[in-house]
Amino acid sequence: MDEMLLTAAALAAAAFNGYTMAFQSATLYWGKWLSPNNDLLPTGMQDAITPPAQSTRVFASLALLLAVAVAGGFVFRWWAAPIILFASFFGSGIMKMLFPNPDSDFFRRKILNSLSQRESTYRKEGDYLRSEVAQDLLAKLRTA
């Protein structure tokens, strides 16, 4: 029973990490798309369009992979932990391929929704400069 639960946890961790990596690739793609030919910012506008929850997802996915590896060390033996960690991390790359491409409408809509919510929050808080920048980015992304 412990082995089945550990396997399910490892697959869930790999899927979560795969989604996190796919979303990060999407924000990089759209960030570069928003500022082409910009040598000063190699990631383009990625930082401006990345949802705040993405940082939490990155840390959570790595912590989840580590937790699964540690649990594997307790369920089996100590030597199982690095093997499970490697397998989960390798599985994350495979899982990433199951998600849409970075240039997909799926990820563009997620970025648009997050940016739209942040723009609304900026406006409500009276931060009109950030609100205008977010509106410009939204307008450009909607034309993609």
N, C-alpha and C. Protein backbone atom coordinates (compact mmCIF):
# COMPACT_ATOMS: atom_id res chain seq x y z
N MET A 1 0.83 -1.20 0.00
CA MET A 1 0.00 0.00 0.00
C MET A 1 0.87 1.26 0.00
N ASP A 2 1.93 1.26 0.80
CA ASP A 2 2.81 2.42 0.85
C ASP A 2 3.46 2.68 -0.50
N GLU A 3 3.79 1.62 -1.22
CA GLU A 3 4.43 1.77 -2.52
C GLU A 3 3.48 2.42 -3.52
N MET A 4 2.20 2.01 -3.47
CA MET A 4 1.21 2.59 -4.39
C MET A 4 0.98 4.06 -4.07
N LEU A 5 0.89 4.39 -2.82
CA LEU A 5 0.69 5.78 -2.41
C LEU A 5 1.89 6.63 -2.80
N LEU A 6 3.08 6.09 -2.61
CA LEU A 6 4.30 6.81 -2.98
C LEU A 6 4.37 7.01 -4.49
N THR A 7 3.99 6.00 -5.24
CA THR A 7 3.99 6.11 -6.71
C THR A 7 3.00 7.18 -7.16
N ALA A 8 1.82 7.19 -6.56
CA ALA A 8 0.81 8.21 -6.90
C ALA A 8 1.32 9.61 -6.55
N ALA A 9 1.96 9.72 -5.39
CA ALA A 9 2.50 11.02 -4.98
C ALA A 9 3.61 11.47 -5.92
N ALA A 10 4.45 10.54 -6.35
CA ALA A 10 5.54 10.88 -7.27
C ALA A 10 4.98 11.32 -8.62
N LEU A 11 3.95 10.65 -9.10
CA LEU A 11 3.33 11.05 -10.37
C LEU A 11 2.65 12.41 -10.24
N ALA A 12 1.99 12.65 -9.11
CA ALA A 12 1.35 13.95 -8.90
C ALA A 12 2.40 15.06 -8.82
N ALA A 13 3.50 14.79 -8.13
CA ALA A 13 4.57 15.78 -8.03
C ALA A 13 5.18 16.06 -9.40
N ALA A 14 5.36 15.01 -10.19
CA ALA A 14 5.92 15.17 -11.53
C ALA A 14 4.97 15.97 -12.42
N ALA A 15 3.67 15.70 -12.32
CA ALA A 15 2.69 16.43 -13.12
C ALA A 15 2.64 17.90 -12.72
N PHE A 16 2.65 18.15 -11.42
CA PHE A 16 2.62 19.53 -10.93
C PHE A 16 3.87 20.29 -11.37
N ASN A 17 5.03 19.64 -11.25
CA ASN A 17 6.27 20.27 -11.68
C ASN A 17 6.29 20.46 -13.19
N GLY A 18 5.75 19.50 -13.93
CA GLY A 18 5.67 19.63 -15.38
C GLY A 18 4.81 20.82 -15.80
N TYR A 19 3.67 20.99 -15.13
CA TYR A 19 2.81 22.15 -15.42
C TYR A 19 3.54 23.45 -15.09
N THR A 20 4.22 23.46 -13.95
CA THR A 20 4.95 24.66 -13.52
C THR A 20 6.01 25.03 -14.55
N MET A 21 6.74 24.03 -15.04
CA MET A 21 7.77 24.29 -16.04
C MET A 21 7.15 24.75 -17.36
N ALA A 22 6.03 24.15 -17.75
CA ALA A 22 5.36 24.55 -18.99
C ALA A 22 4.86 26.00 -18.90
N PHE A 23 4.31 26.36 -17.75
CA PHE A 23 3.82 27.73 -17.57
C PHE A 23 4.97 28.72 -17.57
N GLN A 24 6.09 28.33 -16.96
CA GLN A 24 7.27 29.21 -16.96
C GLN A 24 7.77 29.43 -18.38
N SER A 25 7.77 28.37 -19.18
CA SER A 25 8.17 28.49 -20.59
C SER A 25 7.22 29.41 -21.34
N ALA A 26 5.94 29.32 -21.01
CA ALA A 26 4.95 30.17 -21.68
C ALA A 26 5.15 31.64 -21.32
N THR A 27 5.41 31.94 -20.06
CA THR A 27 5.63 33.34 -19.70
C THR A 27 6.91 33.88 -20.35
N LEU A 28 7.92 33.02 -20.50
CA LEU A 28 9.13 33.44 -21.20
C LEU A 28 8.83 33.71 -22.67
N TYR A 29 8.08 32.81 -23.31
CA TYR A 29 7.74 33.00 -24.72
C TYR A 29 6.98 34.31 -24.92
N TRP A 30 5.90 34.50 -24.15
CA TRP A 30 5.07 35.70 -24.33
C TRP A 30 5.81 36.96 -23.88
N GLY A 31 6.67 36.83 -22.88
CA GLY A 31 7.47 37.98 -22.45
C GLY A 31 8.41 38.44 -23.54
N LYS A 32 9.05 37.49 -24.23
CA LYS A 32 9.92 37.84 -25.36
C LYS A 32 9.10 38.36 -26.53
N TRP A 33 7.93 37.80 -26.73
CA TRP A 33 7.06 38.24 -27.83
C TRP A 33 6.65 39.70 -27.64
N LEU A 34 6.45 40.11 -26.40
CA LEU A 34 6.03 41.48 -26.11
C LEU A 34 7.14 42.50 -26.34
N SER A 35 8.38 42.09 -26.28
CA SER A 35 9.47 43.04 -26.51
C SER A 35 10.53 42.40 -27.41
N PRO A 36 10.22 42.30 -28.70
CA PRO A 36 11.18 41.69 -29.63
C PRO A 36 12.40 42.58 -29.83
N ASN A 37 13.50 41.98 -30.18
CA ASN A 37 14.75 42.71 -30.48
C ASN A 37 15.23 43.55 -29.30
N ASN A 38 15.01 43.06 -28.10
CA ASN A 38 15.44 43.80 -26.92
C ASN A 38 16.64 43.08 -26.32
N ASP A 39 17.83 43.61 -26.57
CA ASP A 39 19.05 42.98 -26.05
C ASP A 39 19.28 43.29 -24.57
N LEU A 40 18.66 44.35 -24.07
CA LEU A 40 18.85 44.72 -22.67
C LEU A 40 18.09 43.79 -21.73
N LEU A 41 16.96 43.31 -22.17
CA LEU A 41 16.15 42.40 -21.37
C LEU A 41 16.04 41.05 -22.09
N PRO A 42 16.91 40.11 -21.80
CA PRO A 42 16.88 38.83 -22.52
C PRO A 42 15.60 38.04 -22.31
N THR A 43 14.89 38.30 -21.20
CA THR A 43 13.63 37.60 -20.97
C THR A 43 12.43 38.45 -21.38
N GLY A 44 12.69 39.60 -21.98
CA GLY A 44 11.60 40.47 -22.43
C GLY A 44 10.79 40.97 -21.25
N MET A 45 9.49 40.86 -21.37
CA MET A 45 8.57 41.36 -20.34
C MET A 45 8.07 40.22 -19.44
N GLN A 46 8.84 39.15 -19.36
CA GLN A 46 8.41 37.98 -18.59
C GLN A 46 8.06 38.33 -17.15
N ASP A 47 8.90 39.10 -16.50
CA ASP A 47 8.63 39.45 -15.10
C ASP A 47 7.34 40.22 -14.95
N ALA A 48 7.00 41.04 -15.93
CA ALA A 48 5.80 41.86 -15.84
C ALA A 48 4.52 41.05 -16.03
N ILE A 49 4.59 39.97 -16.80
CA ILE A 49 3.37 39.21 -17.10
C ILE A 49 3.24 37.93 -16.30
N THR A 50 4.28 37.53 -15.57
CA THR A 50 4.21 36.30 -14.79
C THR A 50 3.29 36.51 -13.59
N PRO A 51 2.28 35.66 -13.45
CA PRO A 51 1.37 35.79 -12.30
C PRO A 51 2.11 35.60 -10.98
N PRO A 52 1.71 36.30 -9.95
CA PRO A 52 2.38 36.16 -8.65
C PRO A 52 2.35 34.72 -8.12
N ALA A 53 1.31 33.98 -8.45
CA ALA A 53 1.20 32.60 -7.96
C ALA A 53 2.26 31.69 -8.57
N GLN A 54 2.88 32.09 -9.67
CA GLN A 54 3.88 31.25 -10.31
C GLN A 54 5.09 31.05 -9.40
N SER A 55 5.49 32.06 -8.69
CA SER A 55 6.62 31.92 -7.76
C SER A 55 6.31 30.89 -6.68
N THR A 56 5.11 30.94 -6.18
CA THR A 56 4.68 29.97 -5.17
C THR A 56 4.67 28.56 -5.76
N ARG A 57 4.18 28.46 -7.00
CA ARG A 57 4.15 27.15 -7.67
C ARG A 57 5.55 26.58 -7.84
N VAL A 58 6.51 27.41 -8.21
CA VAL A 58 7.89 26.94 -8.42
C VAL A 58 8.44 26.36 -7.12
N PHE A 59 8.32 27.10 -6.03
CA PHE A 59 8.83 26.61 -4.74
C PHE A 59 8.06 25.37 -4.27
N ALA A 60 6.74 25.39 -4.44
CA ALA A 60 5.92 24.26 -4.01
C ALA A 60 6.24 23.00 -4.81
N SER A 61 6.47 23.15 -6.10
CA SER A 61 6.75 21.96 -6.91
C SER A 61 8.09 21.34 -6.54
N LEU A 62 9.09 22.18 -6.28
CA LEU A 62 10.39 21.64 -5.86
C LEU A 62 10.31 21.01 -4.47
N ALA A 63 9.57 21.64 -3.57
CA ALA A 63 9.39 21.08 -2.23
C ALA A 63 8.63 19.75 -2.29
N LEU A 64 7.67 19.67 -3.18
CA LEU A 64 6.91 18.43 -3.33
C LEU A 64 7.79 17.31 -3.88
N LEU A 65 8.63 17.62 -4.84
CA LEU A 65 9.56 16.61 -5.35
C LEU A 65 10.50 16.12 -4.26
N LEU A 66 10.99 17.04 -3.47
CA LEU A 66 11.89 16.68 -2.38
C LEU A 66 11.16 15.86 -1.32
N ALA A 67 9.93 16.23 -1.01
CA ALA A 67 9.15 15.50 0.00
C ALA A 67 8.87 14.07 -0.46
N VAL A 68 8.59 13.89 -1.74
CA VAL A 68 8.35 12.55 -2.26
C VAL A 68 9.63 11.72 -2.15
N ALA A 69 10.76 12.33 -2.45
CA ALA A 69 12.03 11.61 -2.35
C ALA A 69 12.33 11.20 -0.91
N VAL A 70 12.11 12.11 0.02
CA VAL A 70 12.35 11.80 1.44
C VAL A 70 11.39 10.70 1.90
N ALA A 71 10.14 10.79 1.50
CA ALA A 71 9.17 9.75 1.86
C ALA A 71 9.60 8.41 1.28
N GLY A 72 10.13 8.43 0.07
CA GLY A 72 10.63 7.20 -0.53
C GLY A 72 11.78 6.61 0.26
N GLY A 73 12.61 7.46 0.82
CA GLY A 73 13.69 6.98 1.66
C GLY A 73 13.18 6.31 2.93
N PHE A 74 12.07 6.80 3.46
CA PHE A 74 11.49 6.18 4.65
C PHE A 74 10.74 4.89 4.31
N VAL A 75 10.05 4.87 3.19
CA VAL A 75 9.28 3.69 2.81
C VAL A 75 10.20 2.54 2.42
N PHE A 76 11.23 2.84 1.67
CA PHE A 76 12.16 1.80 1.22
C PHE A 76 13.42 1.87 2.07
N ARG A 77 14.48 2.31 1.49
CA ARG A 77 15.75 2.51 2.20
C ARG A 77 16.28 3.87 1.79
N TRP A 78 17.34 4.31 2.45
CA TRP A 78 17.89 5.64 2.18
C TRP A 78 18.29 5.81 0.73
N TRP A 79 18.78 4.76 0.09
CA TRP A 79 19.26 4.86 -1.28
C TRP A 79 18.12 5.07 -2.28
N ALA A 80 16.90 4.82 -1.85
CA ALA A 80 15.76 5.02 -2.75
C ALA A 80 15.45 6.50 -2.95
N ALA A 81 15.79 7.33 -1.98
CA ALA A 81 15.46 8.77 -2.06
C ALA A 81 16.07 9.43 -3.29
N PRO A 82 17.39 9.30 -3.55
CA PRO A 82 17.92 9.96 -4.75
C PRO A 82 17.38 9.36 -6.05
N ILE A 83 17.09 8.07 -6.03
CA ILE A 83 16.54 7.44 -7.23
C ILE A 83 15.13 7.99 -7.50
N ILE A 84 14.32 8.09 -6.48
CA ILE A 84 12.96 8.62 -6.63
C ILE A 84 13.00 10.09 -7.03
N LEU A 85 13.92 10.85 -6.45
CA LEU A 85 14.06 12.26 -6.82
C LEU A 85 14.42 12.39 -8.30
N PHE A 86 15.38 11.61 -8.74
CA PHE A 86 15.78 11.64 -10.15
C PHE A 86 14.62 11.22 -11.05
N ALA A 87 13.93 10.14 -10.69
CA ALA A 87 12.81 9.66 -11.51
C ALA A 87 11.68 10.68 -11.56
N SER A 88 11.39 11.32 -10.44
CA SER A 88 10.32 12.33 -10.41
C SER A 88 10.70 13.55 -11.24
N PHE A 89 11.96 13.96 -11.12
CA PHE A 89 12.40 15.12 -11.89
C PHE A 89 12.42 14.81 -13.38
N PHE A 90 12.89 13.61 -13.74
CA PHE A 90 12.87 13.17 -15.14
C PHE A 90 11.43 13.07 -15.64
N GLY A 91 10.55 12.54 -14.79
CA GLY A 91 9.14 12.44 -15.13
C GLY A 91 8.49 13.80 -15.34
N SER A 92 9.01 14.82 -14.65
CA SER A 92 8.48 16.18 -14.82
C SER A 92 8.69 16.66 -16.25
N GLY A 93 9.86 16.34 -16.80
CA GLY A 93 10.14 16.72 -18.18
C GLY A 93 9.20 16.04 -19.15
N ILE A 94 8.89 14.79 -18.88
CA ILE A 94 7.94 14.06 -19.73
C ILE A 94 6.55 14.64 -19.58
N MET A 95 6.16 14.93 -18.34
CA MET A 95 4.84 15.52 -18.08
C MET A 95 4.70 16.88 -18.75
N LYS A 96 5.79 17.63 -18.79
CA LYS A 96 5.76 18.96 -19.42
C LYS A 96 5.34 18.85 -20.87
N MET A 97 5.75 17.79 -21.53
CA MET A 97 5.41 17.60 -22.94
C MET A 97 3.92 17.32 -23.15
N LEU A 98 3.22 16.93 -22.08
CA LEU A 98 1.80 16.65 -22.19
C LEU A 98 0.95 17.93 -22.15
N PHE A 99 1.54 19.02 -21.68
CA PHE A 99 0.82 20.28 -21.60
C PHE A 99 0.96 21.03 -22.92
N PRO A 100 0.09 22.02 -23.16
CA PRO A 100 0.17 22.77 -24.43
C PRO A 100 1.51 23.47 -24.61
N ASN A 101 1.81 23.81 -25.85
CA ASN A 101 3.04 24.53 -26.18
C ASN A 101 3.03 25.91 -25.53
N PRO A 102 4.22 26.50 -25.32
CA PRO A 102 4.29 27.82 -24.70
C PRO A 102 3.52 28.90 -25.46
N ASP A 103 3.44 28.78 -26.78
CA ASP A 103 2.74 29.80 -27.57
C ASP A 103 1.25 29.52 -27.71
N SER A 104 0.73 28.61 -26.92
CA SER A 104 -0.67 28.21 -27.04
C SER A 104 -1.62 29.27 -26.49
N ASP A 105 -2.83 29.19 -26.98
CA ASP A 105 -3.88 30.09 -26.50
C ASP A 105 -4.23 29.78 -25.04
N PHE A 106 -4.06 28.52 -24.64
CA PHE A 106 -4.33 28.11 -23.25
C PHE A 106 -3.53 28.94 -22.26
N PHE A 107 -2.23 29.01 -22.46
CA PHE A 107 -1.37 29.77 -21.54
C PHE A 107 -1.55 31.27 -21.74
N ARG A 108 -1.76 31.72 -22.97
CA ARG A 108 -1.96 33.15 -23.22
C ARG A 108 -3.19 33.65 -22.45
N ARG A 109 -4.28 32.85 -22.46
CA ARG A 109 -5.49 33.24 -21.73
C ARG A 109 -5.24 33.28 -20.22
N LYS A 110 -4.45 32.34 -19.70
CA LYS A 110 -4.14 32.36 -18.26
C LYS A 110 -3.35 33.62 -17.90
N ILE A 111 -2.41 33.98 -18.75
CA ILE A 111 -1.62 35.20 -18.52
C ILE A 111 -2.51 36.42 -18.62
N LEU A 112 -3.39 36.45 -19.62
CA LEU A 112 -4.32 37.57 -19.79
C LEU A 112 -5.22 37.73 -18.56
N ASN A 113 -5.77 36.63 -18.06
CA ASN A 113 -6.65 36.70 -16.89
C ASN A 113 -5.91 37.25 -15.66
N SER A 114 -4.71 36.75 -15.43
CA SER A 114 -3.94 37.22 -14.28
C SER A 114 -3.58 38.70 -14.42
N LEU A 115 -3.14 39.08 -15.61
CA LEU A 115 -2.75 40.47 -15.83
C LEU A 115 -3.96 41.39 -15.73
N SER A 116 -5.10 40.93 -16.19
CA SER A 116 -6.32 41.73 -16.09
C SER A 116 -6.73 41.94 -14.63
N GLN A 117 -6.62 40.89 -13.83
CA GLN A 117 -6.94 41.03 -12.40
C GLN A 117 -5.97 41.98 -11.71
N ARG A 118 -4.69 41.87 -12.05
CA ARG A 118 -3.71 42.77 -11.43
C ARG A 118 -3.95 44.21 -11.86
N GLU A 119 -4.31 44.42 -13.13
CA GLU A 119 -4.59 45.78 -13.61
C GLU A 119 -5.75 46.38 -12.84
N SER A 120 -6.78 45.58 -12.62
CA SER A 120 -7.93 46.05 -11.85
C SER A 120 -7.54 46.41 -10.41
N THR A 121 -6.69 45.59 -9.82
CA THR A 121 -6.23 45.86 -8.46
C THR A 121 -5.40 47.14 -8.41
N TYR A 122 -4.52 47.31 -9.40
CA TYR A 122 -3.71 48.54 -9.45
C TYR A 122 -4.60 49.77 -9.53
N ARG A 123 -5.62 49.70 -10.38
CA ARG A 123 -6.52 50.83 -10.56
C ARG A 123 -7.27 51.15 -9.26
N LYS A 124 -7.76 50.09 -8.57
CA LYS A 124 -8.50 50.28 -7.32
C LYS A 124 -7.61 50.89 -6.24
N GLU A 125 -6.32 50.52 -6.26
CA GLU A 125 -5.38 51.03 -5.25
C GLU A 125 -4.82 52.40 -5.61
N GLY A 126 -5.18 52.92 -6.78
CA GLY A 126 -4.70 54.23 -7.20
C GLY A 126 -3.32 54.21 -7.82
N ASP A 127 -2.81 53.06 -8.17
CA ASP A 127 -1.49 52.93 -8.80
C ASP A 127 -1.70 53.01 -10.32
N TYR A 128 -1.88 54.25 -10.80
CA TYR A 128 -2.27 54.45 -12.19
C TYR A 128 -1.13 54.17 -13.17
N LEU A 129 0.10 54.33 -12.76
CA LEU A 129 1.22 54.04 -13.64
C LEU A 129 1.27 52.54 -13.97
N ARG A 130 1.21 51.71 -12.95
CA ARG A 130 1.20 50.26 -13.19
C ARG A 130 -0.05 49.83 -13.93
N SER A 131 -1.16 50.48 -13.63
CA SER A 131 -2.41 50.16 -14.31
C SER A 131 -2.29 50.43 -15.82
N GLU A 132 -1.69 51.56 -16.19
CA GLU A 132 -1.53 51.89 -17.61
C GLU A 132 -0.58 50.92 -18.30
N VAL A 133 0.50 50.56 -17.64
CA VAL A 133 1.44 49.59 -18.22
C VAL A 133 0.75 48.25 -18.42
N ALA A 134 -0.02 47.82 -17.43
CA ALA A 134 -0.75 46.55 -17.55
C ALA A 134 -1.76 46.62 -18.68
N GLN A 135 -2.43 47.77 -18.84
CA GLN A 135 -3.38 47.93 -19.94
C GLN A 135 -2.68 47.82 -21.29
N ASP A 136 -1.49 48.41 -21.41
CA ASP A 136 -0.72 48.32 -22.66
C ASP A 136 -0.34 46.88 -22.96
N LEU A 137 0.14 46.17 -21.94
CA LEU A 137 0.50 44.76 -22.13
C LEU A 137 -0.72 43.91 -22.49
N LEU A 138 -1.84 44.19 -21.85
CA LEU A 138 -3.07 43.46 -22.17
C LEU A 138 -3.48 43.69 -23.62
N ALA A 139 -3.42 44.94 -24.05
CA ALA A 139 -3.79 45.24 -25.43
C ALA A 139 -2.91 44.51 -26.43
N LYS A 140 -1.61 44.45 -26.16
CA LYS A 140 -0.69 43.75 -27.06
C LYS A 140 -0.94 42.24 -27.05
N LEU A 141 -1.16 41.70 -25.87
CA LEU A 141 -1.40 40.25 -25.78
C LEU A 141 -2.71 39.85 -26.43
N ARG A 142 -3.70 40.71 -26.36
CA ARG A 142 -5.01 40.37 -26.97
C ARG A 142 -4.92 40.32 -28.49
N THR A 143 -3.96 41.05 -29.06
CA THR A 143 -3.84 41.03 -30.52
C THR A 143 -3.04 39.82 -31.03
N ALA A 144 -2.44 39.07 -30.11
CA ALA A 144 -1.61 37.93 -30.52
C ALA A 144 -2.44 36.83 -31.15
